Amino acid sequence: MHRCRLKPGQFGRCGARKNVNGMIVCENYGRITALALDPIEKKPLSMFYPGSVILSVGSFGCNLHCPFCQNHDISMKNADEAETVFLAPEKLALKASELRARGNIGVAYTYNEPLTGYEYVRDAAKIVKQYGMKNVLVTNGAFSEAVEESLLPYIDAMNVDLKGIREDYYRKLGGDLGTVQNFIKKAADRCHVELAALIVPGENDSREEMEEMAAWVASVNPDIPLHVNRFFPRWNMADKKATETEKVYRLAETARAYLKYVFVGNC
């Protein structure tokens, strides 16, 4: 999204891509920081194979800089800082297949922003599909159409973090609302999509903003599930109070005037 112009040896804003001898290299390819068998609802996906589990994999790096990031210990590090182990795409797909006996349905690319290393997601997802399993993407959606198009043929479901509905708020996080909206619209035509909105006190928690968000989502497809999630103090917002539970439920009810499926999270 940022199209960083990098000097030799310099990392991009995402911390995952680097100028190596004049070429932009994906430094987090296959470098894994987290691997776990998670409930599908943790992604969060509530209407895609509910009750199942999925092998979840993450690396390091993110192209946004949200001050409330819950995984900042991996998402805000670069290749020189992150502790990783290498796992080739073939090995990841094989691991997923071996876990079928425990109910695994596929692979979820998550924890950090997986599309900072979209090449790995693409390569692994192709092989996972060959095993007859599912690919799930958990992303902020702040990526170009070219990146999205390279992945959509292999993705079965995704959760996109829709952080707000105002351009100025996205700018504070280092992103662009229009890019995310375009990403969501294209994805919704090609795979199962659910959205997550983290409600941060004093930032994006007004009724008017939720009405705008829900109305926009409904204009794409009123059947898209929306997860309205409670904020807890994290990272550079550790001094901020958690969102009032009552407010989260009120905003979820506001969204239900526009959308068929609204879920409340972290309450």
C-alpha atoms as a PDB file:
ATOM      1  CA  MET A   1       0.000   0.000   0.000  1.00  0.00           C
ATOM      2  CA  HIS A   2       2.747   2.473   0.955  1.00  0.00           C
ATOM      3  CA  ARG A   3       4.952   1.769  -2.073  1.00  0.00           C
ATOM      4  CA  CYS A   4       8.035   2.565   0.016  1.00  0.00           C
ATOM      5  CA  ARG A   5      11.107   3.812  -1.820  1.00  0.00           C
ATOM      6  CA  LEU A   6      13.929   2.078  -0.008  1.00  0.00           C
ATOM      7  CA  LYS A   7      17.643   2.611   0.061  1.00  0.00           C
ATOM      8  CA  PRO A   8      19.846  -0.505  -0.064  1.00  0.00           C
ATOM      9  CA  GLY A   9      19.598  -2.324   3.250  1.00  0.00           C
ATOM     10  CA  GLN A  10      16.526  -0.375   4.348  1.00  0.00           C
ATOM     11  CA  PHE A  11      13.289  -2.003   5.565  1.00  0.00           C
ATOM     12  CA  GLY A  12       9.868  -0.760   4.486  1.00  0.00           C
ATOM     13  CA  ARG A  13       7.346   0.573   6.966  1.00  0.00           C
ATOM     14  CA  CYS A  14       5.972  -2.963   7.332  1.00  0.00           C
ATOM     15  CA  GLY A  15       9.278  -4.321   8.660  1.00  0.00           C
ATOM     16  CA  ALA A  16       8.922  -7.341   6.387  1.00  0.00           C
ATOM     17  CA  ARG A  17      10.234  -6.102   3.037  1.00  0.00           C
ATOM     18  CA  LYS A  18      13.761  -4.880   2.410  1.00  0.00           C
ATOM     19  CA  ASN A  19      15.946  -3.445  -0.338  1.00  0.00           C
ATOM     20  CA  VAL A  20      18.633  -6.058  -0.984  1.00  0.00           C
ATOM     21  CA  ASN A  21      21.072  -5.038  -3.702  1.00  0.00           C
ATOM     22  CA  GLY A  22      18.437  -2.919  -5.402  1.00  0.00           C
ATOM     23  CA  MET A  23      15.641  -5.507  -5.230  1.00  0.00           C
ATOM     24  CA  ILE A  24      12.682  -5.460  -2.804  1.00  0.00           C
ATOM     25  CA  VAL A  25      12.831  -8.786  -1.001  1.00  0.00           C
ATOM     26  CA  CYS A  26      10.197 -10.459   1.181  1.00  0.00           C
ATOM     27  CA  GLU A  27      12.256 -10.970   4.350  1.00  0.00           C
ATOM     28  CA  ASN A  28       9.550 -12.828   6.284  1.00  0.00           C
ATOM     29  CA  TYR A  29       8.973 -15.578   3.698  1.00  0.00           C
ATOM     30  CA  GLY A  30       8.499 -18.825   5.654  1.00  0.00           C
ATOM     31  CA  ARG A  31       9.785 -17.265   8.875  1.00  0.00           C
ATOM     32  CA  ILE A  32       7.225 -18.291  11.467  1.00  0.00           C
ATOM     33  CA  THR A  33       6.695 -16.690  14.875  1.00  0.00           C
ATOM     34  CA  ALA A  34       3.518 -18.520  15.884  1.00  0.00           C
ATOM     35  CA  LEU A  35       1.790 -21.800  15.026  1.00  0.00           C
ATOM     36  CA  ALA A  36      -1.296 -23.122  16.814  1.00  0.00           C
ATOM     37  CA  LEU A  37      -4.480 -25.105  16.296  1.00  0.00           C
ATOM     38  CA  ASP A  38      -7.229 -22.574  17.042  1.00  0.00           C
ATOM     39  CA  PRO A  39     -11.029 -22.585  17.079  1.00  0.00           C
ATOM     40  CA  ILE A  40     -12.289 -20.997  13.857  1.00  0.00           C
ATOM     41  CA  GLU A  41     -14.294 -18.555  15.993  1.00  0.00           C
ATOM     42  CA  LYS A  42     -11.018 -17.042  17.240  1.00  0.00           C
ATOM     43  CA  LYS A  43     -10.206 -15.579  13.799  1.00  0.00           C
ATOM     44  CA  PRO A  44     -13.024 -14.373  14.258  1.00  0.00           C
ATOM     45  CA  LEU A  45     -15.274 -16.295  11.876  1.00  0.00           C
ATOM     46  CA  SER A  46     -18.718 -17.205  13.151  1.00  0.00           C
ATOM     47  CA  MET A  47     -20.381 -18.409   9.954  1.00  0.00           C
ATOM     48  CA  PHE A  48     -17.642 -20.436   8.276  1.00  0.00           C
ATOM     49  CA  TYR A  49     -17.453 -24.054   9.487  1.00  0.00           C
ATOM     50  CA  PRO A  50     -18.498 -23.128  13.057  1.00  0.00           C
ATOM     51  CA  GLY A  51     -17.203 -25.455  15.730  1.00  0.00           C
ATOM     52  CA  SER A  52     -14.155 -26.456  13.695  1.00  0.00           C
ATOM     53  CA  VAL A  53     -10.462 -25.851  14.344  1.00  0.00           C
ATOM     54  CA  ILE A  54      -7.827 -24.522  11.980  1.00  0.00           C
ATOM     55  CA  LEU A  55      -4.030 -24.496  11.955  1.00  0.00           C
ATOM     56  CA  SER A  56      -3.081 -20.851  12.458  1.00  0.00           C
ATOM     57  CA  VAL A  57       0.264 -19.480  11.349  1.00  0.00           C
ATOM     58  CA  GLY A  58       1.916 -16.080  11.688  1.00  0.00           C
ATOM     59  CA  SER A  59       5.154 -14.305  10.911  1.00  0.00           C
ATOM     60  CA  PHE A  60       6.227 -10.706  11.682  1.00  0.00           C
ATOM     61  CA  GLY A  61       5.527  -7.271  10.248  1.00  0.00           C
ATOM     62  CA  CYS A  62       2.513  -5.061   9.566  1.00  0.00           C
ATOM     63  CA  ASN A  63       1.853  -2.183   7.190  1.00  0.00           C
ATOM     64  CA  LEU A  64      -0.270  -0.271   9.719  1.00  0.00           C
ATOM     65  CA  HIS A  65       0.814   1.082  13.098  1.00  0.00           C
ATOM     66  CA  CYS A  66      -2.227   0.810  15.338  1.00  0.00           C
ATOM     67  CA  PRO A  67      -1.298   2.001  18.850  1.00  0.00           C
ATOM     68  CA  PHE A  68      -3.623  -0.641  20.360  1.00  0.00           C
ATOM     69  CA  CYS A  69      -2.072  -3.638  18.533  1.00  0.00           C
ATOM     70  CA  GLN A  70      -2.500  -6.815  20.584  1.00  0.00           C
ATOM     71  CA  ASN A  71       0.296  -8.646  18.752  1.00  0.00           C
ATOM     72  CA  HIS A  72       2.799  -5.777  18.644  1.00  0.00           C
ATOM     73  CA  ASP A  73       5.576  -8.059  19.894  1.00  0.00           C
ATOM     74  CA  ILE A  74       5.638  -9.715  16.451  1.00  0.00           C
ATOM     75  CA  SER A  75       3.788  -7.340  14.138  1.00  0.00           C
ATOM     76  CA  MET A  76       6.008  -4.353  14.904  1.00  0.00           C
ATOM     77  CA  LYS A  77       9.318  -6.164  14.536  1.00  0.00           C
ATOM     78  CA  ASN A  78      11.464  -6.594  11.455  1.00  0.00           C
ATOM     79  CA  ALA A  79      13.647  -9.457  10.250  1.00  0.00           C
ATOM     80  CA  ASP A  80      16.571  -8.376  12.410  1.00  0.00           C
ATOM     81  CA  GLU A  81      14.483  -8.439  15.579  1.00  0.00           C
ATOM     82  CA  ALA A  82      11.937 -11.246  15.333  1.00  0.00           C
ATOM     83  CA  GLU A  83      12.586 -14.743  16.670  1.00  0.00           C
ATOM     84  CA  THR A  84      11.493 -17.181  13.972  1.00  0.00           C
ATOM     85  CA  VAL A  85      11.784 -20.703  12.648  1.00  0.00           C
ATOM     86  CA  PHE A  86      11.621 -21.515   8.946  1.00  0.00           C
ATOM     87  CA  LEU A  87       8.680 -23.544   7.681  1.00  0.00           C
ATOM     88  CA  ALA A  88       8.482 -24.132   3.943  1.00  0.00           C
ATOM     89  CA  PRO A  89       5.038 -23.890   2.312  1.00  0.00           C
ATOM     90  CA  GLU A  90       5.102 -27.634   1.596  1.00  0.00           C
ATOM     91  CA  LYS A  91       5.833 -28.407   5.260  1.00  0.00           C
ATOM     92  CA  LEU A  92       3.030 -26.137   6.453  1.00  0.00           C
ATOM     93  CA  ALA A  93       0.504 -27.794   4.151  1.00  0.00           C
ATOM     94  CA  LEU A  94       1.681 -31.249   5.225  1.00  0.00           C
ATOM     95  CA  LYS A  95       1.363 -30.274   8.886  1.00  0.00           C
ATOM     96  CA  ALA A  96      -2.190 -29.074   8.238  1.00  0.00           C
ATOM     97  CA  SER A  97      -3.074 -32.363   6.546  1.00  0.00           C
ATOM     98  CA  GLU A  98      -1.603 -34.401   9.404  1.00  0.00           C
ATOM     99  CA  LEU A  99      -3.855 -32.528  11.825  1.00  0.00           C
ATOM    100  CA  ARG A 100      -7.065 -33.598  10.064  1.00  0.00           C
ATOM    101  CA  ALA A 101      -7.381 -36.334  12.692  1.00  0.00           C
ATOM    102  CA  ARG A 102      -7.822 -33.583  15.291  1.00  0.00           C
ATOM    103  CA  GLY A 103     -10.506 -31.869  13.230  1.00  0.00           C
ATOM    104  CA  ASN A 104      -8.322 -29.398  11.366  1.00  0.00           C
ATOM    105  CA  ILE A 105      -9.959 -27.937   8.236  1.00  0.00           C
ATOM    106  CA  GLY A 106      -6.953 -26.082   6.809  1.00  0.00           C
ATOM    107  CA  VAL A 107      -4.664 -23.120   7.422  1.00  0.00           C
ATOM    108  CA  ALA A 108      -5.372 -19.603   8.707  1.00  0.00           C
ATOM    109  CA  TYR A 109      -2.808 -16.900   7.957  1.00  0.00           C
ATOM    110  CA  THR A 110      -3.027 -14.592  10.955  1.00  0.00           C
ATOM    111  CA  TYR A 111      -1.395 -13.125  14.127  1.00  0.00           C
ATOM    112  CA  ASN A 112       0.672 -10.481  12.299  1.00  0.00           C
ATOM    113  CA  GLU A 113      -0.433  -8.926   8.997  1.00  0.00           C
ATOM    114  CA  PRO A 114       0.069 -11.947   6.712  1.00  0.00           C
ATOM    115  CA  LEU A 115      -0.032  -9.988   3.460  1.00  0.00           C
ATOM    116  CA  THR A 116       3.231  -8.209   4.206  1.00  0.00           C
ATOM    117  CA  GLY A 117       4.562 -11.574   3.019  1.00  0.00           C
ATOM    118  CA  TYR A 118       1.779 -12.395   0.577  1.00  0.00           C
ATOM    119  CA  GLU A 119       4.115 -14.535  -1.543  1.00  0.00           C
ATOM    120  CA  TYR A 120       4.314 -17.116   1.244  1.00  0.00           C
ATOM    121  CA  VAL A 121       0.547 -17.053   1.763  1.00  0.00           C
ATOM    122  CA  ARG A 122       0.027 -17.572  -1.979  1.00  0.00           C
ATOM    123  CA  ASP A 123       2.516 -20.438  -2.245  1.00  0.00           C
ATOM    124  CA  ALA A 124       1.264 -22.234   0.862  1.00  0.00           C
ATOM    125  CA  ALA A 125      -2.401 -21.720   0.000  1.00  0.00           C
ATOM    126  CA  LYS A 126      -1.942 -23.360  -3.403  1.00  0.00           C
ATOM    127  CA  ILE A 127      -0.608 -26.520  -1.781  1.00  0.00           C
ATOM    128  CA  VAL A 128      -3.215 -26.512   0.986  1.00  0.00           C
ATOM    129  CA  LYS A 129      -5.899 -26.470  -1.716  1.00  0.00           C
ATOM    130  CA  GLN A 130      -4.239 -29.464  -3.375  1.00  0.00           C
ATOM    131  CA  TYR A 131      -4.727 -31.330  -0.091  1.00  0.00           C
ATOM    132  CA  GLY A 132      -8.431 -30.482  -0.319  1.00  0.00           C
ATOM    133  CA  MET A 133      -8.324 -28.192   2.705  1.00  0.00           C
ATOM    134  CA  LYS A 134      -9.424 -24.620   3.420  1.00  0.00           C
ATOM    135  CA  ASN A 135      -7.438 -21.377   3.441  1.00  0.00           C
ATOM    136  CA  VAL A 136      -8.466 -18.537   5.758  1.00  0.00           C
ATOM    137  CA  LEU A 137      -6.962 -15.049   5.699  1.00  0.00           C
ATOM    138  CA  VAL A 138      -7.072 -12.623   8.629  1.00  0.00           C
ATOM    139  CA  THR A 139      -6.019  -9.223   7.327  1.00  0.00           C
ATOM    140  CA  ASN A 140      -6.380  -5.465   7.637  1.00  0.00           C
ATOM    141  CA  GLY A 141      -7.157  -5.321   3.903  1.00  0.00           C
ATOM    142  CA  ALA A 142      -4.831  -2.359   3.325  1.00  0.00           C
ATOM    143  CA  PHE A 143      -3.333  -3.788   0.135  1.00  0.00           C
ATOM    144  CA  SER A 144      -3.357  -3.207  -3.587  1.00  0.00           C
ATOM    145  CA  GLU A 145      -5.652  -4.952  -6.028  1.00  0.00           C
ATOM    146  CA  ALA A 146      -2.668  -6.801  -7.513  1.00  0.00           C
ATOM    147  CA  VAL A 147      -1.852  -8.431  -4.160  1.00  0.00           C
ATOM    148  CA  GLU A 148      -5.493  -9.347  -3.591  1.00  0.00           C
ATOM    149  CA  GLU A 149      -5.930 -10.823  -7.059  1.00  0.00           C
ATOM    150  CA  SER A 150      -2.869 -13.031  -6.626  1.00  0.00           C
ATOM    151  CA  LEU A 151      -4.460 -14.641  -3.557  1.00  0.00           C
ATOM    152  CA  LEU A 152      -8.214 -14.775  -4.100  1.00  0.00           C
ATOM    153  CA  PRO A 153      -8.203 -17.929  -6.240  1.00  0.00           C
ATOM    154  CA  TYR A 154      -6.913 -19.871  -3.217  1.00  0.00           C
ATOM    155  CA  ILE A 155      -8.716 -18.195  -0.298  1.00  0.00           C
ATOM    156  CA  ASP A 156     -11.952 -19.717   1.016  1.00  0.00           C
ATOM    157  CA  ALA A 157     -12.725 -17.214   3.759  1.00  0.00           C
ATOM    158  CA  MET A 158     -11.318 -14.105   5.339  1.00  0.00           C
ATOM    159  CA  ASN A 159     -11.870 -11.768   8.217  1.00  0.00           C
ATOM    160  CA  VAL A 160     -11.016  -8.166   7.393  1.00  0.00           C
ATOM    161  CA  ASP A 161     -10.353  -5.742  10.221  1.00  0.00           C
ATOM    162  CA  LEU A 162     -12.428  -2.673   9.344  1.00  0.00           C
ATOM    163  CA  LYS A 163     -10.938  -0.278  11.846  1.00  0.00           C
ATOM    164  CA  GLY A 164     -13.332   2.589  11.265  1.00  0.00           C
ATOM    165  CA  ILE A 165     -15.332   4.386   8.612  1.00  0.00           C
ATOM    166  CA  ARG A 166     -13.640   7.792   8.676  1.00  0.00           C
ATOM    167  CA  GLU A 167     -10.634   8.642   6.548  1.00  0.00           C
ATOM    168  CA  ASP A 168      -8.993  10.727   9.267  1.00  0.00           C
ATOM    169  CA  TYR A 169      -9.035   7.764  11.656  1.00  0.00           C
ATOM    170  CA  TYR A 170      -7.378   5.505   9.101  1.00  0.00           C
ATOM    171  CA  ARG A 171      -4.721   8.158   8.508  1.00  0.00           C
ATOM    172  CA  LYS A 172      -3.892   8.098  12.229  1.00  0.00           C
ATOM    173  CA  LEU A 173      -3.251   4.364  11.941  1.00  0.00           C
ATOM    174  CA  GLY A 174      -1.097   4.756   8.839  1.00  0.00           C
ATOM    175  CA  GLY A 175      -3.705   3.499   6.384  1.00  0.00           C
ATOM    176  CA  ASP A 176      -6.244   4.530   3.785  1.00  0.00           C
ATOM    177  CA  LEU A 177      -9.962   3.830   4.067  1.00  0.00           C
ATOM    178  CA  GLY A 178     -10.629   3.643   0.329  1.00  0.00           C
ATOM    179  CA  THR A 179      -8.009   0.945  -0.168  1.00  0.00           C
ATOM    180  CA  VAL A 180      -9.612  -1.211   2.534  1.00  0.00           C
ATOM    181  CA  GLN A 181     -13.123  -0.653   1.197  1.00  0.00           C
ATOM    182  CA  ASN A 182     -12.056  -1.689  -2.299  1.00  0.00           C
ATOM    183  CA  PHE A 183     -10.352  -4.781  -0.864  1.00  0.00           C
ATOM    184  CA  ILE A 184     -13.530  -5.786   0.981  1.00  0.00           C
ATOM    185  CA  LYS A 185     -15.794  -5.256  -2.019  1.00  0.00           C
ATOM    186  CA  LYS A 186     -13.662  -7.415  -4.287  1.00  0.00           C
ATOM    187  CA  ALA A 187     -13.205 -10.155  -1.674  1.00  0.00           C
ATOM    188  CA  ALA A 188     -16.945 -10.291  -0.920  1.00  0.00           C
ATOM    189  CA  ASP A 189     -17.597 -11.298  -4.528  1.00  0.00           C
ATOM    190  CA  ARG A 190     -15.112 -14.163  -4.405  1.00  0.00           C
ATOM    191  CA  CYS A 191     -15.116 -15.810  -0.974  1.00  0.00           C
ATOM    192  CA  HIS A 192     -16.767 -15.846   2.443  1.00  0.00           C
ATOM    193  CA  VAL A 193     -16.040 -12.532   4.209  1.00  0.00           C
ATOM    194  CA  GLU A 194     -16.613 -11.414   7.782  1.00  0.00           C
ATOM    195  CA  LEU A 195     -15.566  -8.056   9.227  1.00  0.00           C
ATOM    196  CA  ALA A 196     -14.251  -7.049  12.648  1.00  0.00           C
ATOM    197  CA  ALA A 197     -14.560  -3.568  14.149  1.00  0.00           C
ATOM    198  CA  LEU A 198     -12.626  -2.838  17.339  1.00  0.00           C
ATOM    199  CA  ILE A 199     -14.442  -0.129  19.308  1.00  0.00           C
ATOM    200  CA  VAL A 200     -11.834   2.184  20.871  1.00  0.00           C
ATOM    201  CA  PRO A 201     -13.121   4.752  23.399  1.00  0.00           C
ATOM    202  CA  GLY A 202     -12.907   8.307  22.105  1.00  0.00           C
ATOM    203  CA  GLU A 203     -11.677   7.171  18.690  1.00  0.00           C
ATOM    204  CA  ASN A 204     -14.404   5.376  16.693  1.00  0.00           C
ATOM    205  CA  ASP A 205     -17.131   4.720  19.242  1.00  0.00           C
ATOM    206  CA  SER A 206     -19.946   7.086  18.248  1.00  0.00           C
ATOM    207  CA  ARG A 207     -23.383   5.904  17.174  1.00  0.00           C
ATOM    208  CA  GLU A 208     -23.074   7.984  14.013  1.00  0.00           C
ATOM    209  CA  GLU A 209     -19.887   6.219  12.986  1.00  0.00           C
ATOM    210  CA  MET A 210     -21.423   2.798  13.557  1.00  0.00           C
ATOM    211  CA  GLU A 211     -24.422   3.808  11.469  1.00  0.00           C
ATOM    212  CA  GLU A 212     -22.087   4.897   8.668  1.00  0.00           C
ATOM    213  CA  MET A 213     -20.077   1.700   8.903  1.00  0.00           C
ATOM    214  CA  ALA A 214     -23.070  -0.632   8.982  1.00  0.00           C
ATOM    215  CA  ALA A 215     -24.764   1.222   6.130  1.00  0.00           C
ATOM    216  CA  TRP A 216     -21.626   0.951   4.012  1.00  0.00           C
ATOM    217  CA  VAL A 217     -21.246  -2.780   4.739  1.00  0.00           C
ATOM    218  CA  ALA A 218     -24.923  -3.292   3.858  1.00  0.00           C
ATOM    219  CA  SER A 219     -24.351  -1.512   0.547  1.00  0.00           C
ATOM    220  CA  VAL A 220     -21.772  -4.194  -0.274  1.00  0.00           C
ATOM    221  CA  ASN A 221     -23.885  -7.077   1.050  1.00  0.00           C
ATOM    222  CA  PRO A 222     -26.199  -7.035   4.097  1.00  0.00           C
ATOM    223  CA  ASP A 223     -25.368 -10.705   4.685  1.00  0.00           C
ATOM    224  CA  ILE A 224     -21.725  -9.915   5.579  1.00  0.00           C
ATOM    225  CA  PRO A 225     -21.274 -10.694   9.294  1.00  0.00           C
ATOM    226  CA  LEU A 226     -19.870  -7.869  11.426  1.00  0.00           C
ATOM    227  CA  HIS A 227     -18.043  -8.497  14.704  1.00  0.00           C
ATOM    228  CA  VAL A 228     -18.266  -5.513  17.065  1.00  0.00           C
ATOM    229  CA  ASN A 229     -15.393  -6.022  19.474  1.00  0.00           C
ATOM    230  CA  ARG A 230     -14.507  -4.516  22.824  1.00  0.00           C
ATOM    231  CA  PHE A 231     -11.157  -2.778  23.181  1.00  0.00           C
ATOM    232  CA  PHE A 232      -8.768  -3.629  26.014  1.00  0.00           C
ATOM    233  CA  PRO A 233      -5.663  -1.571  26.882  1.00  0.00           C
ATOM    234  CA  ARG A 234      -2.659  -2.654  24.820  1.00  0.00           C
ATOM    235  CA  TRP A 235       0.785  -1.435  23.776  1.00  0.00           C
ATOM    236  CA  ASN A 236       0.765   2.365  23.298  1.00  0.00           C
ATOM    237  CA  MET A 237      -2.799   2.585  24.602  1.00  0.00           C
ATOM    238  CA  ALA A 238      -2.135   0.740  27.830  1.00  0.00           C
ATOM    239  CA  ASP A 239      -3.280   3.789  29.799  1.00  0.00           C
ATOM    240  CA  LYS A 240      -6.712   3.941  28.133  1.00  0.00           C
ATOM    241  CA  LYS A 241      -9.718   2.305  29.782  1.00  0.00           C
ATOM    242  CA  ALA A 242     -11.421  -0.696  28.199  1.00  0.00           C
ATOM    243  CA  THR A 243     -14.565   0.044  26.219  1.00  0.00           C
ATOM    244  CA  GLU A 244     -17.703  -0.048  28.339  1.00  0.00           C
ATOM    245  CA  THR A 245     -19.506  -3.311  27.736  1.00  0.00           C
ATOM    246  CA  GLU A 246     -22.849  -1.530  27.482  1.00  0.00           C
ATOM    247  CA  LYS A 247     -21.531   0.690  24.682  1.00  0.00           C
ATOM    248  CA  VAL A 248     -20.350  -2.309  22.654  1.00  0.00           C
ATOM    249  CA  TYR A 249     -23.800  -3.897  22.921  1.00  0.00           C
ATOM    250  CA  ARG A 250     -25.507  -0.616  22.007  1.00  0.00           C
ATOM    251  CA  LEU A 251     -23.337  -0.186  18.920  1.00  0.00           C
ATOM    252  CA  ALA A 252     -23.987  -3.789  17.905  1.00  0.00           C
ATOM    253  CA  GLU A 253     -27.711  -3.091  18.152  1.00  0.00           C
ATOM    254  CA  THR A 254     -27.234   0.000  15.995  1.00  0.00           C
ATOM    255  CA  ALA A 255     -25.529  -2.141  13.362  1.00  0.00           C
ATOM    256  CA  ARG A 256     -28.402  -4.645  13.392  1.00  0.00           C
ATOM    257  CA  ALA A 257     -30.669  -2.026  11.857  1.00  0.00           C
ATOM    258  CA  TYR A 258     -28.602  -2.468   8.672  1.00  0.00           C
ATOM    259  CA  LEU A 259     -27.050  -5.944   8.834  1.00  0.00           C
ATOM    260  CA  LYS A 260     -28.467  -9.430   9.318  1.00  0.00           C
ATOM    261  CA  TYR A 261     -25.555 -10.878  11.278  1.00  0.00           C
ATOM    262  CA  VAL A 262     -23.878  -8.862  14.046  1.00  0.00           C
ATOM    263  CA  PHE A 263     -21.756 -10.472  16.742  1.00  0.00           C
ATOM    264  CA  VAL A 264     -20.275  -9.013  19.923  1.00  0.00           C
ATOM    265  CA  GLY A 265     -16.710  -9.941  20.877  1.00  0.00           C
ATOM    266  CA  ASN A 266     -14.420  -9.608  23.919  1.00  0.00           C
ATOM    267  CA  CYS A 267     -17.348  -9.031  26.256  1.00  0.00           C
END
